[in-house]
Amino acid sequence: MRESEPLFVISVASRLLQLHPQTLRKYEREGFVAPSRTQGNLRLYSSEDIDRLRQVKTLVEERGVNLAGVQMALNMTEGVRQMQAELRSHRRKDFDAIADAMNELLEMMGAPAAEPESEPQRPVRVEVQVQRRTVNR
């Protein structure tokens, strides 16, 4: 089973995360997740979506991060994971140690630590962009 395979309807995701379904809809509107949709337009969340929402919940509830900060942390998490994959693809022990140390940064951002890849991957160019939002009140 792939991590990105849609498995959970919103009511199940809500129970797994202990978040109200309306909160999940809000996080979707904010762009934190993009669940798949059935033909009947029901949201289907993957394990990746659940992990990402768990990180959002940790950042908001435990760390007091606002939604703009959450978006930055999610972008940074993706960038760190890409850098880890690139470092590990070189198959050097010193690079593996750096990639392992990056797990501490991921934990600070509320993300689960990345597991070392078992198969080699091609090097990936990493670019992290921060988008600014303007809020009309």
N, C-alpha and C. Protein backbone atom coordinates (compact mmCIF):
# COMPACT_ATOMS: atom_id res chain seq x y z
N MET A 1 0.84 -1.19 0.00
CA MET A 1 0.00 0.00 0.00
C MET A 1 0.89 1.25 0.00
N ARG A 2 0.56 2.19 -0.86
CA ARG A 2 1.31 3.44 -0.94
C ARG A 2 0.78 4.41 0.10
N GLU A 3 1.71 5.26 0.61
CA GLU A 3 1.33 6.27 1.60
C GLU A 3 0.36 7.29 1.03
N SER A 4 0.41 7.49 -0.29
CA SER A 4 -0.43 8.51 -0.92
C SER A 4 -1.78 7.97 -1.36
N GLU A 5 -2.05 6.71 -1.10
CA GLU A 5 -3.31 6.11 -1.51
C GLU A 5 -4.45 6.63 -0.61
N PRO A 6 -5.52 7.18 -1.21
CA PRO A 6 -6.62 7.71 -0.40
C PRO A 6 -7.38 6.58 0.30
N LEU A 7 -7.55 6.73 1.61
CA LEU A 7 -8.16 5.66 2.40
C LEU A 7 -9.30 6.10 3.32
N PHE A 8 -9.23 7.31 3.84
CA PHE A 8 -10.11 7.70 4.93
C PHE A 8 -11.08 8.80 4.52
N VAL A 9 -12.36 8.61 4.80
CA VAL A 9 -13.33 9.68 4.60
C VAL A 9 -13.16 10.68 5.73
N ILE A 10 -13.75 11.84 5.61
CA ILE A 10 -13.51 12.94 6.55
C ILE A 10 -13.89 12.57 7.99
N SER A 11 -14.95 11.79 8.17
CA SER A 11 -15.36 11.42 9.53
C SER A 11 -14.30 10.54 10.20
N VAL A 12 -13.69 9.64 9.45
CA VAL A 12 -12.65 8.77 10.01
C VAL A 12 -11.38 9.59 10.26
N ALA A 13 -11.01 10.44 9.32
CA ALA A 13 -9.84 11.30 9.51
C ALA A 13 -10.02 12.19 10.74
N SER A 14 -11.22 12.70 10.90
CA SER A 14 -11.54 13.55 12.03
C SER A 14 -11.33 12.81 13.36
N ARG A 15 -11.80 11.57 13.41
CA ARG A 15 -11.62 10.78 14.64
C ARG A 15 -10.15 10.43 14.87
N LEU A 16 -9.44 10.06 13.80
CA LEU A 16 -8.02 9.72 13.94
C LEU A 16 -7.22 10.88 14.50
N LEU A 17 -7.54 12.07 14.04
CA LEU A 17 -6.78 13.26 14.41
C LEU A 17 -7.36 13.99 15.62
N GLN A 18 -8.54 13.61 16.02
CA GLN A 18 -9.26 14.30 17.09
C GLN A 18 -9.42 15.78 16.76
N LEU A 19 -9.85 16.02 15.52
CA LEU A 19 -10.14 17.37 15.04
C LEU A 19 -11.56 17.36 14.46
N HIS A 20 -12.25 18.47 14.59
CA HIS A 20 -13.58 18.60 14.02
C HIS A 20 -13.50 18.57 12.50
N PRO A 21 -14.46 17.96 11.82
CA PRO A 21 -14.45 17.95 10.35
C PRO A 21 -14.35 19.36 9.74
N GLN A 22 -14.95 20.33 10.40
CA GLN A 22 -14.87 21.71 9.89
C GLN A 22 -13.44 22.23 9.93
N THR A 23 -12.68 21.80 10.93
CA THR A 23 -11.27 22.18 11.01
C THR A 23 -10.49 21.56 9.85
N LEU A 24 -10.81 20.32 9.51
CA LEU A 24 -10.15 19.68 8.37
C LEU A 24 -10.47 20.41 7.08
N ARG A 25 -11.71 20.86 6.94
CA ARG A 25 -12.09 21.63 5.74
C ARG A 25 -11.33 22.96 5.70
N LYS A 26 -11.19 23.58 6.87
CA LYS A 26 -10.45 24.85 6.94
C LYS A 26 -9.00 24.64 6.53
N TYR A 27 -8.37 23.58 7.01
CA TYR A 27 -6.99 23.30 6.67
C TYR A 27 -6.86 22.99 5.17
N GLU A 28 -7.88 22.40 4.58
CA GLU A 28 -7.86 22.18 3.14
C GLU A 28 -7.94 23.53 2.40
N ARG A 29 -8.81 24.42 2.86
CA ARG A 29 -8.92 25.75 2.24
C ARG A 29 -7.60 26.52 2.34
N GLU A 30 -6.89 26.33 3.45
CA GLU A 30 -5.60 26.99 3.65
C GLU A 30 -4.51 26.39 2.76
N GLY A 31 -4.78 25.23 2.17
CA GLY A 31 -3.81 24.60 1.28
C GLY A 31 -2.84 23.65 1.97
N PHE A 32 -3.12 23.29 3.22
CA PHE A 32 -2.23 22.39 3.96
C PHE A 32 -2.32 20.96 3.43
N VAL A 33 -3.49 20.55 2.96
CA VAL A 33 -3.70 19.23 2.36
C VAL A 33 -4.63 19.39 1.16
N ALA A 34 -4.58 18.40 0.28
CA ALA A 34 -5.48 18.37 -0.87
C ALA A 34 -5.98 16.94 -1.00
N PRO A 35 -7.01 16.58 -0.19
CA PRO A 35 -7.49 15.20 -0.24
C PRO A 35 -8.08 14.88 -1.62
N SER A 36 -8.02 13.60 -1.97
CA SER A 36 -8.65 13.14 -3.20
C SER A 36 -10.16 13.25 -3.05
N ARG A 37 -10.85 13.15 -4.16
CA ARG A 37 -12.32 13.20 -4.14
C ARG A 37 -12.89 12.00 -4.87
N THR A 38 -14.01 11.50 -4.35
CA THR A 38 -14.73 10.44 -5.05
C THR A 38 -15.60 11.08 -6.13
N GLN A 39 -16.25 10.26 -6.93
CA GLN A 39 -17.16 10.79 -7.94
C GLN A 39 -18.32 11.54 -7.28
N GLY A 40 -18.67 11.13 -6.07
CA GLY A 40 -19.72 11.81 -5.32
C GLY A 40 -19.20 13.02 -4.55
N ASN A 41 -17.92 13.39 -4.77
CA ASN A 41 -17.28 14.56 -4.18
C ASN A 41 -16.95 14.41 -2.69
N LEU A 42 -16.89 13.18 -2.18
CA LEU A 42 -16.46 12.96 -0.80
C LEU A 42 -14.95 13.07 -0.73
N ARG A 43 -14.46 13.68 0.34
CA ARG A 43 -13.02 13.80 0.55
C ARG A 43 -12.47 12.45 1.00
N LEU A 44 -11.31 12.09 0.43
CA LEU A 44 -10.61 10.88 0.84
C LEU A 44 -9.17 11.26 1.21
N TYR A 45 -8.80 11.00 2.46
CA TYR A 45 -7.49 11.37 2.98
C TYR A 45 -6.56 10.16 2.94
N SER A 46 -5.31 10.40 2.53
CA SER A 46 -4.29 9.35 2.51
C SER A 46 -3.54 9.35 3.83
N SER A 47 -2.68 8.36 4.01
CA SER A 47 -1.82 8.33 5.21
C SER A 47 -0.89 9.54 5.23
N GLU A 48 -0.41 9.96 4.05
CA GLU A 48 0.41 11.18 3.97
C GLU A 48 -0.38 12.40 4.44
N ASP A 49 -1.65 12.49 4.01
CA ASP A 49 -2.50 13.60 4.44
C ASP A 49 -2.67 13.59 5.96
N ILE A 50 -2.88 12.41 6.52
CA ILE A 50 -3.07 12.29 7.97
C ILE A 50 -1.80 12.73 8.70
N ASP A 51 -0.64 12.30 8.22
CA ASP A 51 0.63 12.71 8.84
C ASP A 51 0.81 14.22 8.77
N ARG A 52 0.48 14.80 7.62
CA ARG A 52 0.62 16.25 7.44
C ARG A 52 -0.34 17.00 8.37
N LEU A 53 -1.57 16.52 8.48
CA LEU A 53 -2.55 17.15 9.38
C LEU A 53 -2.15 16.98 10.84
N ARG A 54 -1.52 15.86 11.16
CA ARG A 54 -1.02 15.66 12.52
C ARG A 54 0.06 16.69 12.83
N GLN A 55 0.92 16.99 11.84
CA GLN A 55 1.94 18.01 12.03
C GLN A 55 1.28 19.38 12.22
N VAL A 56 0.27 19.68 11.41
CA VAL A 56 -0.44 20.96 11.55
C VAL A 56 -1.04 21.08 12.95
N LYS A 57 -1.67 20.02 13.40
CA LYS A 57 -2.30 20.03 14.73
C LYS A 57 -1.24 20.28 15.82
N THR A 58 -0.11 19.61 15.72
CA THR A 58 0.97 19.81 16.70
C THR A 58 1.45 21.25 16.71
N LEU A 59 1.67 21.79 15.51
CA LEU A 59 2.16 23.17 15.42
C LEU A 59 1.17 24.17 16.01
N VAL A 60 -0.11 23.98 15.72
CA VAL A 60 -1.13 24.93 16.18
C VAL A 60 -1.41 24.76 17.67
N GLU A 61 -1.68 23.52 18.09
CA GLU A 61 -2.13 23.30 19.47
C GLU A 61 -1.01 23.27 20.49
N GLU A 62 0.13 22.66 20.14
CA GLU A 62 1.19 22.51 21.13
C GLU A 62 2.25 23.60 21.05
N ARG A 63 2.48 24.12 19.86
CA ARG A 63 3.54 25.10 19.69
C ARG A 63 3.01 26.51 19.52
N GLY A 64 1.69 26.67 19.38
CA GLY A 64 1.10 28.00 19.27
C GLY A 64 1.42 28.74 17.99
N VAL A 65 1.67 28.01 16.92
CA VAL A 65 2.03 28.62 15.64
C VAL A 65 0.77 29.05 14.92
N ASN A 66 0.79 30.25 14.31
CA ASN A 66 -0.38 30.69 13.54
C ASN A 66 -0.35 30.02 12.17
N LEU A 67 -1.42 30.20 11.38
CA LEU A 67 -1.54 29.49 10.11
C LEU A 67 -0.48 29.87 9.10
N ALA A 68 -0.03 31.12 9.10
CA ALA A 68 1.06 31.52 8.21
C ALA A 68 2.35 30.79 8.60
N GLY A 69 2.59 30.67 9.88
CA GLY A 69 3.76 29.95 10.37
C GLY A 69 3.68 28.47 10.05
N VAL A 70 2.47 27.92 10.12
CA VAL A 70 2.27 26.52 9.77
C VAL A 70 2.67 26.30 8.32
N GLN A 71 2.24 27.19 7.42
CA GLN A 71 2.59 27.04 6.00
C GLN A 71 4.09 27.07 5.81
N MET A 72 4.76 27.97 6.50
CA MET A 72 6.23 28.04 6.41
C MET A 72 6.86 26.75 6.92
N ALA A 73 6.37 26.22 8.03
CA ALA A 73 6.92 24.99 8.60
C ALA A 73 6.69 23.80 7.66
N LEU A 74 5.52 23.75 7.02
CA LEU A 74 5.25 22.67 6.07
C LEU A 74 6.19 22.76 4.87
N ASN A 75 6.42 23.97 4.37
CA ASN A 75 7.35 24.16 3.26
C ASN A 75 8.77 23.76 3.66
N MET A 76 9.17 24.15 4.88
CA MET A 76 10.50 23.79 5.37
C MET A 76 10.62 22.28 5.55
N THR A 77 9.57 21.65 6.04
CA THR A 77 9.59 20.20 6.22
C THR A 77 9.84 19.50 4.89
N GLU A 78 9.14 19.94 3.86
CA GLU A 78 9.32 19.35 2.53
C GLU A 78 10.75 19.57 2.04
N GLY A 79 11.27 20.76 2.23
CA GLY A 79 12.64 21.05 1.82
C GLY A 79 13.67 20.20 2.56
N VAL A 80 13.47 20.04 3.87
CA VAL A 80 14.39 19.22 4.67
C VAL A 80 14.33 17.77 4.21
N ARG A 81 13.13 17.26 3.96
CA ARG A 81 13.00 15.87 3.50
C ARG A 81 13.69 15.67 2.14
N GLN A 82 13.57 16.64 1.25
CA GLN A 82 14.25 16.54 -0.04
C GLN A 82 15.76 16.57 0.12
N MET A 83 16.25 17.44 1.02
CA MET A 83 17.69 17.51 1.27
C MET A 83 18.19 16.20 1.87
N GLN A 84 17.41 15.61 2.79
CA GLN A 84 17.80 14.33 3.37
C GLN A 84 17.92 13.26 2.29
N ALA A 85 16.94 13.20 1.39
CA ALA A 85 16.97 12.21 0.32
C ALA A 85 18.19 12.42 -0.57
N GLU A 86 18.50 13.69 -0.87
CA GLU A 86 19.66 13.98 -1.71
C GLU A 86 20.95 13.57 -1.01
N LEU A 87 21.08 13.90 0.26
CA LEU A 87 22.29 13.53 1.00
C LEU A 87 22.45 12.01 1.06
N ARG A 88 21.37 11.32 1.34
CA ARG A 88 21.45 9.86 1.46
C ARG A 88 21.73 9.20 0.11
N SER A 89 21.36 9.84 -0.98
CA SER A 89 21.59 9.25 -2.30
C SER A 89 23.08 9.18 -2.63
N HIS A 90 23.90 9.97 -1.95
CA HIS A 90 25.34 9.96 -2.20
C HIS A 90 26.04 8.79 -1.52
N ARG A 91 25.35 8.12 -0.62
CA ARG A 91 25.89 6.93 0.06
C ARG A 91 27.22 7.19 0.76
N ARG A 92 27.29 8.31 1.46
CA ARG A 92 28.47 8.62 2.26
C ARG A 92 28.05 8.69 3.72
N LYS A 93 28.84 8.09 4.58
CA LYS A 93 28.49 8.04 6.00
C LYS A 93 28.38 9.44 6.61
N ASP A 94 29.27 10.36 6.19
CA ASP A 94 29.19 11.71 6.75
C ASP A 94 27.91 12.41 6.30
N PHE A 95 27.44 12.15 5.08
CA PHE A 95 26.19 12.73 4.62
C PHE A 95 25.01 12.10 5.34
N ASP A 96 25.09 10.78 5.61
CA ASP A 96 24.02 10.11 6.35
C ASP A 96 23.89 10.71 7.75
N ALA A 97 25.02 11.04 8.37
CA ALA A 97 24.98 11.64 9.71
C ALA A 97 24.29 13.00 9.67
N ILE A 98 24.55 13.77 8.62
CA ILE A 98 23.89 15.08 8.48
C ILE A 98 22.39 14.87 8.28
N ALA A 99 22.03 13.93 7.41
CA ALA A 99 20.62 13.65 7.16
C ALA A 99 19.92 13.20 8.43
N ASP A 100 20.59 12.38 9.23
CA ASP A 100 20.01 11.94 10.50
C ASP A 100 19.82 13.11 11.46
N ALA A 101 20.80 14.03 11.48
CA ALA A 101 20.70 15.20 12.36
C ALA A 101 19.53 16.09 11.98
N MET A 102 19.16 16.08 10.72
CA MET A 102 18.03 16.89 10.26
C MET A 102 16.71 16.42 10.88
N ASN A 103 16.67 15.20 11.37
CA ASN A 103 15.46 14.71 12.02
C ASN A 103 15.09 15.55 13.24
N GLU A 104 16.09 16.09 13.92
CA GLU A 104 15.82 16.97 15.06
C GLU A 104 15.07 18.22 14.61
N LEU A 105 15.48 18.76 13.48
CA LEU A 105 14.79 19.92 12.91
C LEU A 105 13.35 19.56 12.56
N LEU A 106 13.15 18.38 11.97
CA LEU A 106 11.79 17.94 11.63
C LEU A 106 10.93 17.81 12.89
N GLU A 107 11.50 17.25 13.93
CA GLU A 107 10.75 17.10 15.17
C GLU A 107 10.37 18.45 15.76
N MET A 108 11.25 19.45 15.65
CA MET A 108 10.94 20.79 16.14
C MET A 108 9.75 21.37 15.37
N MET A 109 9.60 20.97 14.12
CA MET A 109 8.51 21.47 13.28
C MET A 109 7.29 20.57 13.37
N GLY A 110 7.30 19.63 14.31
CA GLY A 110 6.12 18.78 14.53
C GLY A 110 5.96 17.66 13.54
N ALA A 111 6.98 17.40 12.72
CA ALA A 111 6.90 16.33 11.72
C ALA A 111 7.56 15.08 12.27
N PRO A 112 7.07 13.91 11.85
CA PRO A 112 7.75 12.69 12.28
C PRO A 112 9.13 12.62 11.62
N ALA A 113 10.06 11.99 12.31
CA ALA A 113 11.41 11.84 11.77
C ALA A 113 11.35 11.01 10.50
N ALA A 114 12.20 11.34 9.54
CA ALA A 114 12.24 10.61 8.27
C ALA A 114 13.03 9.33 8.45
N GLU A 115 12.56 8.27 7.85
CA GLU A 115 13.28 7.00 7.86
C GLU A 115 14.29 7.01 6.72
N PRO A 116 15.46 6.42 6.92
CA PRO A 116 16.42 6.35 5.82
C PRO A 116 15.83 5.55 4.66
N GLU A 117 16.13 5.98 3.46
CA GLU A 117 15.65 5.31 2.26
C GLU A 117 16.43 4.01 2.08
N SER A 118 15.74 2.95 1.66
CA SER A 118 16.41 1.68 1.47
C SER A 118 16.96 1.52 0.06
N GLU A 119 16.43 2.25 -0.90
CA GLU A 119 16.92 2.14 -2.27
C GLU A 119 17.45 3.50 -2.71
N PRO A 120 18.47 3.51 -3.56
CA PRO A 120 19.04 4.78 -3.99
C PRO A 120 18.07 5.61 -4.80
N GLN A 121 18.19 6.93 -4.66
CA GLN A 121 17.36 7.85 -5.41
C GLN A 121 18.26 8.79 -6.18
N ARG A 122 17.73 9.37 -7.26
CA ARG A 122 18.50 10.35 -8.00
C ARG A 122 18.61 11.62 -7.16
N PRO A 123 19.68 12.36 -7.35
CA PRO A 123 19.80 13.65 -6.64
C PRO A 123 18.66 14.58 -7.03
N VAL A 124 18.22 15.37 -6.08
CA VAL A 124 17.12 16.29 -6.28
C VAL A 124 17.60 17.70 -6.01
N ARG A 125 17.27 18.63 -6.88
CA ARG A 125 17.58 20.04 -6.64
C ARG A 125 16.52 20.59 -5.71
N VAL A 126 16.93 21.26 -4.66
CA VAL A 126 16.00 21.74 -3.65
C VAL A 126 15.90 23.25 -3.72
N GLU A 127 14.67 23.74 -3.85
CA GLU A 127 14.39 25.17 -3.78
C GLU A 127 13.23 25.35 -2.84
N VAL A 128 13.38 26.19 -1.84
CA VAL A 128 12.32 26.46 -0.90
C VAL A 128 11.86 27.89 -1.11
N GLN A 129 10.57 28.06 -1.33
CA GLN A 129 10.01 29.38 -1.53
C GLN A 129 8.97 29.63 -0.45
N VAL A 130 8.96 30.82 0.05
CA VAL A 130 7.96 31.22 1.05
C VAL A 130 7.00 32.16 0.37
N GLN A 131 5.74 31.83 0.45
CA GLN A 131 4.72 32.67 -0.15
C GLN A 131 4.10 33.54 0.92
N ARG A 132 3.93 34.80 0.61
CA ARG A 132 3.28 35.71 1.54
C ARG A 132 1.84 35.88 1.15
N ARG A 133 0.99 35.90 2.13
CA ARG A 133 -0.44 36.08 1.90
C ARG A 133 -0.85 37.43 2.43
N THR A 134 -1.73 38.07 1.72
CA THR A 134 -2.32 39.29 2.23
C THR A 134 -3.73 38.97 2.68
N VAL A 135 -4.09 39.48 3.79
CA VAL A 135 -5.41 39.22 4.35
C VAL A 135 -6.23 40.49 4.28
N ASN A 136 -7.37 40.40 3.64
CA ASN A 136 -8.28 41.56 3.57
C ASN A 136 -9.25 41.47 4.74
N ARG A 137 -9.37 42.52 5.46
CA ARG A 137 -10.28 42.51 6.63
C ARG A 137 -11.36 43.52 6.45
